[in-house]
C-alpha cells in the first residue's frame, strides 16, 4: 500500500523487552504488506516509521494475543499457559 500525501507518518521508538516480544509475533503480521519484514530488520536504535494501517495491524496482533492468553487461562493451568506463550 502506498501512502498518499495526507497520510501521517508516526515515528515510534521500540526497544528492549517490547521489541523482543514484538519480534516473536511477526508471523501474525504476514498480510500487512511488509510490516513483518520491517519489524524483523528493526534494531531499536532509531524511531521506526509506521502508518495508520501498520498501527492497526499491530493493535490487531496485540488484541489477538490478549484474547488467546485469556482463553488459555480459563481452560488450562497457569503453568501450562506460561509454557505455551
C-alpha atoms as a PDB file:
ATOM      1  CA  UNK A   1       0.000   0.000   0.000  1.00  0.00           C
ATOM      2  CA  UNK A   2       1.407   3.379  -0.958  1.00  0.00           C
ATOM      3  CA  UNK A   3       0.896   6.339   1.353  1.00  0.00           C
ATOM      4  CA  UNK A   4      -0.898   9.356  -0.022  1.00  0.00           C
ATOM      5  CA  UNK A   5       0.118  12.945   0.561  1.00  0.00           C
ATOM      6  CA  UNK A   6      -2.276  13.309   3.527  1.00  0.00           C
ATOM      7  CA  UNK A   7      -1.179  10.134   5.338  1.00  0.00           C
ATOM      8  CA  UNK A   8       0.620  10.890   8.584  1.00  0.00           C
ATOM      9  CA  UNK A   9       3.835   9.045   9.431  1.00  0.00           C
ATOM     10  CA  UNK A  10       4.095   8.020  13.078  1.00  0.00           C
ATOM     11  CA  UNK A  11       7.627   7.670  14.420  1.00  0.00           C
ATOM     12  CA  UNK A  12       7.976   5.299  17.372  1.00  0.00           C
ATOM     13  CA  UNK A  13      10.984   4.104  19.303  1.00  0.00           C
ATOM     14  CA  UNK A  14      10.508   0.499  20.388  1.00  0.00           C
ATOM     15  CA  UNK A  15      13.304  -1.222  22.273  1.00  0.00           C
ATOM     16  CA  UNK A  16      14.132  -3.728  24.980  1.00  0.00           C
ATOM     17  CA  UNK A  17      11.515  -6.239  26.086  1.00  0.00           C
ATOM     18  CA  UNK A  18       8.824  -4.626  23.935  1.00  0.00           C
ATOM     19  CA  UNK A  19      10.883  -5.115  20.784  1.00  0.00           C
ATOM     20  CA  UNK A  20      11.759  -8.721  21.664  1.00  0.00           C
ATOM     21  CA  UNK A  21       8.083  -9.529  22.293  1.00  0.00           C
ATOM     22  CA  UNK A  22       7.041  -7.817  19.064  1.00  0.00           C
ATOM     23  CA  UNK A  23       9.601  -9.771  17.042  1.00  0.00           C
ATOM     24  CA  UNK A  24       8.264 -13.031  18.498  1.00  0.00           C
ATOM     25  CA  UNK A  25       4.883 -12.377  16.913  1.00  0.00           C
ATOM     26  CA  UNK A  26       5.817 -11.144  13.441  1.00  0.00           C
ATOM     27  CA  UNK A  27       4.354 -14.328  11.968  1.00  0.00           C
ATOM     28  CA  UNK A  28       0.915 -12.866  12.799  1.00  0.00           C
ATOM     29  CA  UNK A  29       1.612  -9.898  10.515  1.00  0.00           C
ATOM     30  CA  UNK A  30       2.042 -11.709   7.200  1.00  0.00           C
ATOM     31  CA  UNK A  31      -0.805  -9.843   5.494  1.00  0.00           C
ATOM     32  CA  UNK A  32       0.490  -6.383   6.436  1.00  0.00           C
ATOM     33  CA  UNK A  33       2.392  -5.509   3.231  1.00  0.00           C
ATOM     34  CA  UNK A  34       5.938  -5.876   4.553  1.00  0.00           C
ATOM     35  CA  UNK A  35       5.363  -4.897   8.187  1.00  0.00           C
ATOM     36  CA  UNK A  36       6.700  -8.266   9.349  1.00  0.00           C
ATOM     37  CA  UNK A  37       9.971  -7.782   7.431  1.00  0.00           C
ATOM     38  CA  UNK A  38      10.222  -4.176   8.603  1.00  0.00           C
ATOM     39  CA  UNK A  39       9.957  -5.223  12.260  1.00  0.00           C
ATOM     40  CA  UNK A  40      12.360  -8.156  11.816  1.00  0.00           C
ATOM     41  CA  UNK A  41      15.022  -5.784  10.458  1.00  0.00           C
ATOM     42  CA  UNK A  42      14.337  -3.086  13.083  1.00  0.00           C
ATOM     43  CA  UNK A  43      17.102  -2.814  15.702  1.00  0.00           C
ATOM     44  CA  UNK A  44      15.515  -0.354  18.143  1.00  0.00           C
ATOM     45  CA  UNK A  45      18.190   2.328  17.860  1.00  0.00           C
ATOM     46  CA  UNK A  46      16.218   4.849  15.776  1.00  0.00           C
ATOM     47  CA  UNK A  47      12.492   5.556  15.597  1.00  0.00           C
ATOM     48  CA  UNK A  48      10.565   3.317  13.221  1.00  0.00           C
ATOM     49  CA  UNK A  49       8.106   4.976  10.829  1.00  0.00           C
ATOM     50  CA  UNK A  50       4.656   3.425  10.796  1.00  0.00           C
ATOM     51  CA  UNK A  51       1.480   4.453   9.031  1.00  0.00           C
ATOM     52  CA  UNK A  52      -2.101   4.127  10.258  1.00  0.00           C
ATOM     53  CA  UNK A  53      -2.579   0.695   8.673  1.00  0.00           C
ATOM     54  CA  UNK A  54       0.637  -0.556  10.297  1.00  0.00           C
ATOM     55  CA  UNK A  55      -0.588   0.578  13.709  1.00  0.00           C
ATOM     56  CA  UNK A  56      -3.966  -1.073  13.098  1.00  0.00           C
ATOM     57  CA  UNK A  57      -2.202  -4.340  12.297  1.00  0.00           C
ATOM     58  CA  UNK A  58      -0.118  -4.097  15.492  1.00  0.00           C
ATOM     59  CA  UNK A  59      -3.255  -3.439  17.555  1.00  0.00           C
ATOM     60  CA  UNK A  60      -4.947  -6.477  15.984  1.00  0.00           C
ATOM     61  CA  UNK A  61      -1.952  -8.678  16.826  1.00  0.00           C
ATOM     62  CA  UNK A  62      -1.903  -7.431  20.427  1.00  0.00           C
ATOM     63  CA  UNK A  63      -5.670  -7.920  20.735  1.00  0.00           C
ATOM     64  CA  UNK A  64      -5.394 -11.481  19.401  1.00  0.00           C
ATOM     65  CA  UNK A  65      -2.610 -12.265  21.871  1.00  0.00           C
ATOM     66  CA  UNK A  66      -4.615 -10.903  24.790  1.00  0.00           C
ATOM     67  CA  UNK A  67      -7.670 -12.940  23.795  1.00  0.00           C
ATOM     68  CA  UNK A  68      -5.551 -16.080  23.399  1.00  0.00           C
ATOM     69  CA  UNK A  69      -3.971 -15.634  26.811  1.00  0.00           C
ATOM     70  CA  UNK A  70      -7.356 -15.047  28.468  1.00  0.00           C
ATOM     71  CA  UNK A  71      -8.797 -18.144  26.789  1.00  0.00           C
ATOM     72  CA  UNK A  72      -5.817 -20.254  27.846  1.00  0.00           C
ATOM     73  CA  UNK A  73      -6.066 -19.023  31.426  1.00  0.00           C
ATOM     74  CA  UNK A  74      -9.697 -20.132  31.551  1.00  0.00           C
ATOM     75  CA  UNK A  75      -9.078 -23.570  30.090  1.00  0.00           C
ATOM     76  CA  UNK A  76      -5.520 -24.542  31.051  1.00  0.00           C
ATOM     77  CA  UNK A  77      -3.483 -24.378  34.239  1.00  0.00           C
ATOM     78  CA  UNK A  78      -1.355 -21.202  34.744  1.00  0.00           C
ATOM     79  CA  UNK A  79       1.894 -23.179  34.441  1.00  0.00           C
ATOM     80  CA  UNK A  80       0.866 -24.538  31.043  1.00  0.00           C
ATOM     81  CA  UNK A  81      -0.054 -21.035  29.867  1.00  0.00           C
ATOM     82  CA  UNK A  82       3.491 -19.811  30.572  1.00  0.00           C
ATOM     83  CA  UNK A  83       4.935 -22.746  28.640  1.00  0.00           C
ATOM     84  CA  UNK A  84       2.630 -22.238  25.643  1.00  0.00           C
ATOM     85  CA  UNK A  85       3.219 -18.492  25.411  1.00  0.00           C
END
